[in-house]
Amino acid sequence: LGSAKRAKFREIVSSAAVAPCNDTVNLLKDLAEEGIQVGCVSFSKNCLWLLEKVGLAHLFRSIVDGQKFAALGLRGKPDADLFYRCAEEMGTQPRRCVAWVSDLTGYGADAFTHFKLTVA
């Protein structure tokens, strides 16, 4: 079912005009120019595909998505393994990272304690 859903999603998105928000693109480019690494974390198995489709994948030093989550056997909520893996792939420690999380629901109280800052 998951593969069929993913295929249908990609079919629909492939025929649509999808464009990232200009402010987001500008922020990512500005951070890159300043030498600040940016990673992307998502449970979606479409994440990398979608970032490539809109031409943003190259702006991320690390992309830890649902495909990588499954392949590496990372733990999901309540743990923050995807975020820790992202920091590792960027060659840094979580204590030097800001974790920007769209929704903290389901994460354990101490999931992000090793990060410099967590923004939700």
Foldseek 3Di string as FASTA:
>chain_A
DVVVVLVVVCVVVVPDDDEDDPVVVVVLVVCVVVVHAAEAEELDPCVCVVCVVRVNNVSHLYYQYNVNCVVVVADDFLADRRVQVSCVSSVHGQCDDEAEDPDNPRHDPCRSVSHVYYHD
